[in-house]
Amino acid sequence: MFFDRPDGGETAVLVHIDLESEQEQEDPQEFEELVLSAGAVPAIYIKGSRKSPDAGHFVGAGKLEEIEAAVREHQAEVVIFNHSLSPSQERNLEKRLSCRVLDRTGLILDIFAQRARSYEGRLQVELAQLEHTITRLKRGWTHLDRQKGGIGLRGAGETQLEMDQRMIRQRIKGINAALVKVRSQRDQGRRARKRADIPTLSLVGYTNAGKSSLFNALCGEQTYAADQLFATLDSTLRRIDLPNFGPAILADTVGFISHLPHKLVAAFRATLEETVQASLLLHVIDVANENHETLTEHVEEVLAEIGADEVPTLRVCNKIDMLDDRQPAIERDQSGRPVRVWVSARTGAGLDLLLSAISELLGHDVVERSLRLRPEQGRLRARLYARGAVRQERLDDEGLLCLDIRLPRHDLDRILVDEGISPGKLSAGL
């Protein structure tokens, strides 16, 4: 990884300023959870308010002195701002405070660096780190100009700063090339699932909403799940069997957060493509969080940003075990389609209702009937079995194979067209 961090927790001074110039304020409580997720030890939380950020140090002179005193008193190793700092503000603050200064984007990048496990995840994190860092290289190396002696050869040469920038750009180019291969592999897997007519379900939601716990409960897996922000970064795919429908692929993805840095949206494009290409989104909501409605809006904003707002969505209201008067249930719209399911991933309450609602949404136009196949139509039989559509198989009096099938109409129509059979012939048998 580009950044190495110490094993032990670092003493941190936290800074949050309410700015009148900002329409949407950052959440101070969420900021503290981010810091704890990064492994830092908050020593003091300094808050204040301003009309607009100071161009040089983000905060005013009085607040800067307060931060400086807190750093000395607690011997803090890092000062973390719940805001985005410009490169010059970051450099000025580090020079004045004599310790490392991190902004909100840098903090999230640090958490991502700790959580990423897969090859793709590490590449994406490093790319985001490099793009964030290249503008923050300090001009403190100009005394290392490479010069040559002799008449006509004297000159500034290439400074150490320019060398660092060139090396970072070369590494960014290499990472982007590697990610192109990763995306190609993902596309191949996605095309294979489409050929097998298997729909994909993508778990989305605000970070720490319980997506991985729900994933484990539905799949019987033991992927990493913890009560902390960004416990999951690497997309995980597993096959599940839906009642009265058949097989489907369930994808666990990275959690969203308010004001997600654009660098991270771009860097995690390959992971988020699983969301864009999904057949159905399962939007997991932590209903025990009193701000869950606002967090839901933040998730929908990010979904719109990555082009996934047109994908059919089922809201999964999780953590009902933390509410006193809420029982598992399915809520429907005026047409009778499921729009919200109340469950608890921790206790398993309502998971049967969730699976039933998913099956209903995926198979809202399901065909149930018998097909008669001739001996030369073995490939059609194999495709129906691969789709999990065959309920029973038998021979009729004429020696033809009879299959009792159940699957969505559009899936059956696609299979028939691929086999050169008109869907209109279905009523007359095959």
Protein backbone atom coordinates (compact mmCIF):
# COMPACT_ATOMS: atom_id res chain seq x y z
CA MET A 1 0.00 0.00 0.00
CA PHE A 2 1.07 3.57 -0.54
CA PHE A 3 0.57 4.53 3.11
CA ASP A 4 1.90 2.57 6.07
CA ARG A 5 0.25 3.27 9.39
CA PRO A 6 1.37 2.39 12.92
CA ASP A 7 -0.01 -0.73 14.59
CA GLY A 8 -1.13 1.02 17.78
CA GLY A 9 -3.82 3.63 18.16
CA GLU A 10 -2.72 7.24 17.71
CA THR A 11 -3.79 10.05 20.01
CA ALA A 12 -5.94 12.42 17.95
CA VAL A 13 -7.43 15.87 18.34
CA LEU A 14 -10.77 16.09 16.50
CA VAL A 15 -11.98 19.34 14.94
CA HIS A 16 -15.50 20.08 13.70
CA ILE A 17 -16.57 23.56 12.57
CA ASP A 18 -20.16 24.47 11.69
CA LEU A 19 -19.94 26.66 8.60
CA GLU A 20 -22.77 28.98 7.64
CA SER A 21 -21.59 28.81 4.02
CA GLU A 22 -22.29 25.05 3.86
CA GLN A 23 -25.84 23.97 3.08
CA GLU A 24 -25.31 20.46 4.49
CA GLN A 25 -23.24 20.11 7.65
CA GLU A 26 -21.15 17.03 8.36
CA ASP A 27 -22.42 14.83 11.20
CA PRO A 28 -20.16 15.21 14.30
CA GLN A 29 -21.23 11.83 15.73
CA GLU A 30 -20.52 10.03 12.47
CA PHE A 31 -17.13 11.74 12.35
CA GLU A 32 -16.25 10.34 15.76
CA GLU A 33 -17.31 6.85 14.63
CA LEU A 34 -15.06 7.22 11.58
CA VAL A 35 -12.11 8.15 13.80
CA LEU A 36 -12.74 5.15 16.06
CA SER A 37 -13.04 2.89 13.00
CA ALA A 38 -9.63 4.12 11.86
CA GLY A 39 -8.15 2.97 15.19
CA ALA A 40 -7.31 6.43 16.54
CA VAL A 41 -7.81 7.41 20.20
CA PRO A 42 -9.71 10.72 20.43
CA ALA A 43 -8.22 12.93 23.15
CA ILE A 44 -10.47 15.97 22.77
CA TYR A 45 -13.24 17.10 20.44
CA ILE A 46 -12.90 20.78 19.50
CA LYS A 47 -15.98 22.40 17.96
CA GLY A 48 -16.74 25.87 16.72
CA SER A 49 -18.55 27.89 14.09
CA ARG A 50 -17.60 30.30 11.32
CA LYS A 51 -19.28 32.01 8.39
CA SER A 52 -16.74 30.54 5.97
CA PRO A 53 -13.36 28.73 6.13
CA ASP A 54 -10.17 30.71 6.56
CA ALA A 55 -8.10 30.55 3.38
CA GLY A 56 -4.84 29.85 5.20
CA HIS A 57 -5.68 27.56 8.13
CA PHE A 58 -9.42 26.79 7.66
CA VAL A 59 -10.03 27.97 11.28
CA GLY A 60 -9.54 31.42 12.78
CA ALA A 61 -6.57 32.55 14.86
CA GLY A 62 -8.29 31.95 18.22
CA LYS A 63 -9.46 28.44 17.33
CA LEU A 64 -6.01 27.64 15.93
CA GLU A 65 -4.42 28.56 19.25
CA GLU A 66 -6.95 26.32 21.03
CA ILE A 67 -6.03 23.39 18.77
CA GLU A 68 -2.33 24.08 19.24
CA ALA A 69 -2.73 24.05 23.04
CA ALA A 70 -4.70 20.78 22.88
CA VAL A 71 -1.97 19.14 20.79
CA ARG A 72 0.66 20.11 23.38
CA GLU A 73 -1.49 19.12 26.37
CA HIS A 74 -2.42 15.68 25.07
CA GLN A 75 0.78 15.10 23.07
CA ALA A 76 -1.40 14.34 20.08
CA GLU A 77 0.15 12.68 17.05
CA VAL A 78 -2.51 13.73 14.56
CA VAL A 79 -5.21 16.41 14.18
CA ILE A 80 -8.24 15.28 12.18
CA PHE A 81 -10.70 17.73 10.60
CA ASN A 82 -14.28 16.76 9.76
CA HIS A 83 -13.95 18.76 6.55
CA SER A 84 -12.12 18.75 3.25
CA LEU A 85 -8.90 20.75 3.47
CA SER A 86 -7.02 22.24 0.54
CA PRO A 87 -3.37 21.16 0.12
CA SER A 88 -2.16 24.60 1.25
CA GLN A 89 -4.38 24.57 4.35
CA GLU A 90 -3.09 21.12 5.25
CA ARG A 91 0.54 22.21 4.86
CA ASN A 92 0.02 25.42 6.86
CA LEU A 93 -1.67 23.55 9.69
CA GLU A 94 1.06 20.89 9.87
CA LYS A 95 3.73 23.60 9.98
CA ARG A 96 1.92 25.47 12.78
CA LEU A 97 0.87 22.43 14.86
CA SER A 98 4.07 20.39 14.32
CA CYS A 99 2.11 17.17 13.80
CA ARG A 100 0.24 15.38 11.05
CA VAL A 101 -3.06 16.87 9.88
CA LEU A 102 -5.73 14.78 8.20
CA ASP A 103 -9.00 15.85 6.60
CA ARG A 104 -12.21 13.84 6.17
CA THR A 105 -11.17 12.42 2.80
CA GLY A 106 -7.76 11.35 4.12
CA LEU A 107 -9.45 9.71 7.12
CA ILE A 108 -11.81 7.67 4.93
CA LEU A 109 -8.89 6.67 2.70
CA ASP A 110 -7.00 5.45 5.77
CA ILE A 111 -9.97 3.30 6.83
CA PHE A 112 -10.27 1.90 3.32
CA ALA A 113 -6.55 1.06 3.34
CA GLN A 114 -7.04 -0.99 6.51
CA ARG A 115 -10.15 -2.84 5.32
CA ALA A 116 -9.26 -3.75 1.73
CA ARG A 117 -8.32 -7.44 1.44
CA SER A 118 -8.66 -8.46 -2.20
CA TYR A 119 -6.20 -7.59 -4.96
CA GLU A 120 -8.81 -5.37 -6.62
CA GLY A 121 -9.69 -3.61 -3.39
CA ARG A 122 -6.06 -2.81 -2.63
CA LEU A 123 -5.55 -1.44 -6.14
CA GLN A 124 -8.60 0.79 -5.84
CA VAL A 125 -7.55 2.14 -2.45
CA GLU A 126 -4.00 2.83 -3.59
CA LEU A 127 -5.30 4.64 -6.68
CA ALA A 128 -7.49 6.89 -4.55
CA GLN A 129 -4.60 7.54 -2.14
CA LEU A 130 -2.20 8.47 -4.92
CA GLU A 131 -4.67 10.82 -6.61
CA HIS A 132 -5.35 12.47 -3.25
CA THR A 133 -1.65 12.77 -2.41
CA ILE A 134 -0.15 14.01 -5.67
CA THR A 135 -1.52 17.50 -5.04
CA ARG A 136 -0.17 17.48 -1.48
CA LEU A 137 3.51 16.88 -2.18
CA LYS A 138 5.46 19.57 -0.38
CA ARG A 139 7.92 21.79 -2.18
CA GLY A 140 10.62 21.12 0.34
CA TRP A 141 13.03 19.24 -1.89
CA THR A 142 14.12 21.92 -4.36
CA HIS A 143 17.63 21.94 -2.82
CA LEU A 144 18.08 18.47 -4.34
CA ASP A 145 18.08 19.77 -7.93
CA ARG A 146 20.10 17.42 -10.11
CA GLN A 147 22.74 19.50 -11.87
CA LYS A 148 25.66 18.75 -14.12
CA GLY A 149 28.91 20.70 -14.12
CA GLY A 150 30.61 22.11 -17.16
CA ILE A 151 29.99 24.86 -19.62
CA GLY A 152 26.51 24.68 -21.09
CA LEU A 153 25.38 21.93 -18.69
CA ARG A 154 24.42 23.97 -15.64
CA GLY A 155 20.72 24.12 -14.83
CA ALA A 156 18.02 23.26 -12.39
CA GLY A 157 17.58 19.77 -13.77
CA GLU A 158 14.73 17.66 -12.32
CA THR A 159 13.82 18.50 -8.75
CA GLN A 160 12.97 15.81 -6.20
CA LEU A 161 9.37 17.06 -6.21
CA GLU A 162 9.14 16.55 -9.97
CA MET A 163 10.64 13.07 -9.61
CA ASP A 164 8.06 12.17 -6.95
CA GLN A 165 5.21 13.46 -9.11
CA ARG A 166 6.48 11.53 -12.13
CA MET A 167 6.78 8.30 -10.13
CA ILE A 168 3.26 8.72 -8.76
CA ARG A 169 1.84 9.35 -12.24
CA GLN A 170 3.59 6.22 -13.52
CA ARG A 171 2.13 4.19 -10.66
CA ILE A 172 -1.36 5.63 -11.30
CA LYS A 173 -1.04 4.62 -14.94
CA GLY A 174 -0.03 1.09 -13.92
CA ILE A 175 -2.92 0.75 -11.47
CA ASN A 176 -5.45 1.95 -14.04
CA ALA A 177 -4.12 -0.66 -16.50
CA ALA A 178 -4.49 -3.39 -13.85
CA LEU A 179 -8.04 -2.24 -13.02
CA VAL A 180 -8.98 -2.47 -16.71
CA LYS A 181 -8.13 -6.19 -16.51
CA VAL A 182 -10.14 -6.55 -13.30
CA ARG A 183 -13.17 -4.90 -14.93
CA SER A 184 -12.79 -7.19 -17.94
CA GLN A 185 -12.83 -10.23 -15.64
CA ARG A 186 -15.92 -8.88 -13.88
CA ASP A 187 -17.63 -8.36 -17.24
CA GLN A 188 -16.86 -11.95 -18.22
CA GLY A 189 -18.38 -13.22 -14.98
CA ARG A 190 -21.40 -10.98 -15.47
CA ARG A 191 -21.92 -12.23 -19.04
CA ALA A 192 -21.63 -15.83 -17.83
CA ARG A 193 -24.37 -15.22 -15.25
CA LYS A 194 -26.56 -13.63 -17.91
CA ARG A 195 -26.04 -16.64 -20.19
CA ALA A 196 -27.11 -18.87 -17.31
CA ASP A 197 -30.16 -16.61 -16.82
CA ILE A 198 -29.32 -16.06 -13.14
CA PRO A 199 -30.41 -12.68 -11.68
CA THR A 200 -28.11 -10.67 -9.39
CA LEU A 201 -29.19 -9.10 -6.11
CA SER A 202 -27.00 -6.30 -4.77
CA LEU A 203 -26.98 -5.27 -1.11
CA VAL A 204 -26.59 -1.50 -0.81
CA GLY A 205 -26.99 0.89 2.08
CA TYR A 206 -25.33 3.31 4.44
CA THR A 207 -22.18 2.04 6.10
CA ASN A 208 -22.83 -0.06 9.24
CA ALA A 209 -26.48 -0.67 8.28
CA GLY A 210 -25.98 -4.44 8.65
CA LYS A 211 -25.43 -5.49 5.02
CA SER A 212 -22.73 -8.08 5.78
CA SER A 213 -24.75 -9.52 8.68
CA LEU A 214 -27.73 -9.88 6.35
CA PHE A 215 -25.46 -11.40 3.68
CA ASN A 216 -24.19 -13.98 6.19
CA ALA A 217 -27.72 -14.76 7.38
CA LEU A 218 -29.02 -15.33 3.83
CA CYS A 219 -26.01 -17.25 2.52
CA GLY A 220 -24.78 -19.05 5.62
CA GLU A 221 -21.39 -17.41 5.02
CA GLN A 222 -18.94 -15.96 7.51
CA THR A 223 -17.77 -12.82 5.76
CA TYR A 224 -16.29 -10.16 8.02
CA ALA A 225 -19.02 -8.23 9.83
CA ALA A 226 -18.47 -5.76 12.66
CA ASP A 227 -20.23 -2.86 14.35
CA GLN A 228 -18.00 -0.26 12.72
CA LEU A 229 -18.01 1.94 9.65
CA PHE A 230 -16.72 0.41 6.42
CA ALA A 231 -16.31 -3.13 7.78
CA THR A 232 -16.78 -4.35 4.19
CA LEU A 233 -14.90 -3.01 1.18
CA ASP A 234 -14.47 -5.98 -1.14
CA SER A 235 -17.49 -7.10 -3.12
CA THR A 236 -18.46 -10.71 -2.31
CA LEU A 237 -20.71 -12.84 -4.54
CA ARG A 238 -22.58 -15.97 -3.42
CA ARG A 239 -25.35 -18.09 -4.92
CA ILE A 240 -28.62 -18.44 -3.01
CA ASP A 241 -31.81 -20.38 -3.79
CA LEU A 242 -35.03 -18.37 -3.65
CA PRO A 243 -38.28 -20.13 -2.74
CA ASN A 244 -40.63 -20.67 -5.69
CA PHE A 245 -38.13 -19.01 -8.02
CA GLY A 246 -34.71 -20.67 -8.26
CA PRO A 247 -31.07 -19.61 -8.00
CA ALA A 248 -29.83 -16.02 -7.76
CA ILE A 249 -26.50 -14.30 -7.06
CA LEU A 250 -26.25 -12.12 -3.93
CA ALA A 251 -23.58 -9.39 -3.86
CA ASP A 252 -22.34 -7.66 -0.69
CA THR A 253 -20.86 -4.24 -1.53
CA VAL A 254 -19.09 -1.34 0.16
CA GLY A 255 -21.26 0.87 2.35
CA PHE A 256 -22.08 4.43 1.33
CA ILE A 257 -21.53 7.55 3.43
CA SER A 258 -22.66 11.16 3.22
CA HIS A 259 -20.50 13.34 0.98
CA LEU A 260 -18.52 10.33 -0.25
CA PRO A 261 -15.37 11.78 -1.86
CA HIS A 262 -15.56 11.75 -5.65
CA LYS A 263 -12.11 10.13 -5.73
CA LEU A 264 -13.57 7.11 -3.95
CA VAL A 265 -16.61 6.91 -6.23
CA ALA A 266 -14.27 6.84 -9.22
CA ALA A 267 -11.73 4.49 -7.64
CA PHE A 268 -14.38 1.95 -6.64
CA ARG A 269 -16.07 1.98 -10.01
CA ALA A 270 -15.47 -1.74 -10.63
CA THR A 271 -17.05 -2.69 -7.29
CA LEU A 272 -19.98 -0.34 -7.76
CA GLU A 273 -20.66 -1.75 -11.24
CA GLU A 274 -22.12 -4.80 -9.48
CA THR A 275 -24.77 -2.40 -8.19
CA VAL A 276 -25.44 -0.76 -11.55
CA GLN A 277 -25.77 -4.13 -13.32
CA ALA A 278 -27.95 -5.79 -10.64
CA SER A 279 -31.43 -7.14 -11.36
CA LEU A 280 -32.67 -5.92 -7.96
CA LEU A 281 -31.18 -3.67 -5.26
CA LEU A 282 -31.74 -4.55 -1.61
CA HIS A 283 -31.40 -1.21 0.17
CA VAL A 284 -30.55 -2.13 3.78
CA ILE A 285 -31.62 0.54 6.30
CA ASP A 286 -30.67 0.69 9.98
CA VAL A 287 -34.10 1.65 11.34
CA ALA A 288 -32.69 1.76 14.89
CA ASN A 289 -30.72 4.86 13.85
CA GLU A 290 -32.82 7.95 14.55
CA ASN A 291 -31.38 9.64 11.44
CA HIS A 292 -32.12 6.70 9.12
CA GLU A 293 -34.35 8.78 6.81
CA THR A 294 -31.55 11.27 6.14
CA LEU A 295 -29.03 8.45 5.63
CA THR A 296 -31.41 6.78 3.19
CA GLU A 297 -31.46 9.99 1.14
CA HIS A 298 -27.64 10.07 1.08
CA VAL A 299 -27.56 6.50 -0.29
CA GLU A 300 -30.08 7.38 -3.00
CA GLU A 301 -27.96 10.38 -4.00
CA VAL A 302 -24.90 8.15 -4.49
CA LEU A 303 -26.98 5.58 -6.40
CA ALA A 304 -28.08 8.36 -8.75
CA GLU A 305 -24.46 9.49 -9.12
CA ILE A 306 -23.30 6.04 -10.27
CA GLY A 307 -26.33 5.52 -12.53
CA ALA A 308 -28.10 2.88 -10.41
CA ASP A 309 -31.21 4.90 -9.55
CA GLU A 310 -33.20 3.18 -12.32
CA VAL A 311 -32.58 -0.34 -10.94
CA PRO A 312 -35.65 -1.83 -9.15
CA THR A 313 -35.21 -1.48 -5.37
CA LEU A 314 -36.60 -3.24 -2.31
CA ARG A 315 -36.02 -1.49 1.02
CA VAL A 316 -34.91 -3.83 3.82
CA CYS A 317 -35.55 -2.25 7.24
CA ASN A 318 -32.95 -3.98 9.42
CA LYS A 319 -32.33 -4.16 13.19
CA ILE A 320 -35.99 -4.38 14.26
CA ASP A 321 -34.73 -6.37 17.27
CA MET A 322 -33.60 -3.00 18.67
CA LEU A 323 -37.13 -1.55 18.40
CA ASP A 324 -39.83 -2.28 20.97
CA ASP A 325 -42.99 -2.42 18.88
CA ARG A 326 -41.91 -3.59 15.42
CA GLN A 327 -42.64 -7.08 14.07
CA PRO A 328 -41.44 -8.68 10.80
CA ALA A 329 -43.70 -7.61 7.94
CA ILE A 330 -43.94 -6.88 4.22
CA GLU A 331 -45.24 -3.47 3.11
CA ARG A 332 -46.75 -3.14 -0.37
CA ASP A 333 -47.61 -0.29 -2.71
CA GLN A 334 -51.05 0.38 -4.22
CA SER A 335 -50.48 -2.21 -6.95
CA GLY A 336 -49.59 -4.88 -4.36
CA ARG A 337 -45.85 -5.05 -5.12
CA PRO A 338 -43.50 -5.38 -2.11
CA VAL A 339 -41.66 -2.13 -1.40
CA ARG A 340 -40.37 -2.61 2.17
CA VAL A 341 -39.58 -5.61 4.41
CA TRP A 342 -38.93 -5.35 8.18
CA VAL A 343 -36.29 -7.84 9.37
CA SER A 344 -33.50 -8.50 11.86
CA ALA A 345 -30.34 -9.97 10.36
CA ARG A 346 -29.00 -10.68 13.86
CA THR A 347 -31.95 -12.78 15.07
CA GLY A 348 -33.17 -14.00 11.67
CA ALA A 349 -36.65 -12.55 12.18
CA GLY A 350 -38.41 -11.80 8.90
CA LEU A 351 -35.80 -13.36 6.60
CA ASP A 352 -38.41 -15.78 5.22
CA LEU A 353 -40.58 -12.78 4.34
CA LEU A 354 -37.61 -11.09 2.66
CA LEU A 355 -36.88 -14.12 0.48
CA SER A 356 -40.57 -14.36 -0.43
CA ALA A 357 -40.67 -10.66 -1.40
CA ILE A 358 -37.52 -11.00 -3.53
CA SER A 359 -38.98 -14.03 -5.32
CA GLU A 360 -42.19 -12.12 -5.94
CA LEU A 361 -40.38 -9.10 -7.42
CA LEU A 362 -38.09 -11.17 -9.62
CA GLY A 363 -40.86 -13.48 -10.76
CA HIS A 364 -43.80 -11.08 -10.97
CA ASP A 365 -44.69 -12.66 -14.34
CA VAL A 366 -43.98 -16.34 -13.69
CA VAL A 367 -44.90 -19.11 -16.09
CA GLU A 368 -45.99 -22.46 -14.65
CA ARG A 369 -46.76 -25.16 -17.19
CA SER A 370 -45.68 -28.43 -18.79
CA LEU A 371 -43.48 -28.67 -21.87
CA ARG A 372 -43.19 -31.67 -24.20
CA LEU A 373 -39.71 -32.02 -25.67
CA ARG A 374 -38.52 -34.13 -28.56
CA PRO A 375 -35.29 -36.16 -28.21
CA GLU A 376 -33.27 -33.62 -30.26
CA GLN A 377 -34.17 -30.81 -27.82
CA GLY A 378 -31.75 -31.97 -25.14
CA ARG A 379 -29.96 -28.61 -25.00
CA LEU A 380 -33.21 -26.84 -24.15
CA ARG A 381 -33.77 -29.35 -21.36
CA ALA A 382 -30.25 -28.71 -20.04
CA ARG A 383 -30.78 -24.93 -20.04
CA LEU A 384 -34.04 -25.25 -18.14
CA TYR A 385 -32.32 -27.43 -15.54
CA ALA A 386 -29.40 -24.97 -15.26
CA ARG A 387 -31.92 -22.20 -14.60
CA GLY A 388 -33.48 -24.28 -11.81
CA ALA A 389 -36.84 -24.12 -13.59
CA VAL A 390 -37.68 -27.85 -13.76
CA ARG A 391 -40.01 -29.06 -11.02
CA GLN A 392 -40.73 -32.53 -12.36
CA GLU A 393 -39.75 -34.73 -15.33
CA ARG A 394 -41.62 -37.68 -16.84
CA LEU A 395 -42.34 -39.53 -20.10
CA ASP A 396 -45.79 -39.33 -21.70
CA ASP A 397 -47.65 -42.07 -23.58
CA GLU A 398 -45.96 -41.09 -26.87
CA GLY A 399 -42.46 -41.38 -25.37
CA LEU A 400 -41.89 -37.62 -25.33
CA LEU A 401 -40.21 -35.94 -22.37
CA CYS A 402 -42.60 -33.85 -20.26
CA LEU A 403 -41.14 -31.13 -18.02
CA ASP A 404 -43.13 -29.25 -15.40
CA ILE A 405 -41.42 -25.84 -15.29
CA ARG A 406 -41.69 -22.60 -13.32
CA LEU A 407 -39.69 -19.47 -14.21
CA PRO A 408 -40.19 -15.81 -15.17
CA ARG A 409 -41.82 -15.33 -18.57
CA HIS A 410 -39.05 -13.09 -19.95
CA ASP A 411 -36.45 -15.71 -18.99
CA LEU A 412 -38.40 -18.46 -20.74
CA ASP A 413 -38.91 -16.29 -23.82
CA ARG A 414 -35.19 -15.53 -24.00
CA ILE A 415 -34.26 -19.21 -23.70
CA LEU A 416 -36.75 -20.17 -26.43
CA VAL A 417 -35.50 -17.45 -28.80
CA ASP A 418 -31.88 -18.55 -28.20
CA GLU A 419 -32.94 -22.10 -29.17
CA GLY A 420 -34.65 -20.86 -32.33
CA ILE A 421 -38.18 -21.46 -31.01
CA SER A 422 -40.96 -18.88 -31.24
CA PRO A 423 -42.50 -18.16 -27.80
CA GLY A 424 -45.88 -18.27 -29.56
CA LYS A 425 -45.46 -22.02 -30.09
CA LEU A 426 -45.53 -22.54 -26.33
CA SER A 427 -49.29 -22.88 -26.21
CA ALA A 428 -49.20 -25.65 -28.79
CA GLY A 429 -46.36 -27.52 -27.09
CA LEU A 430 -42.84 -28.06 -28.39
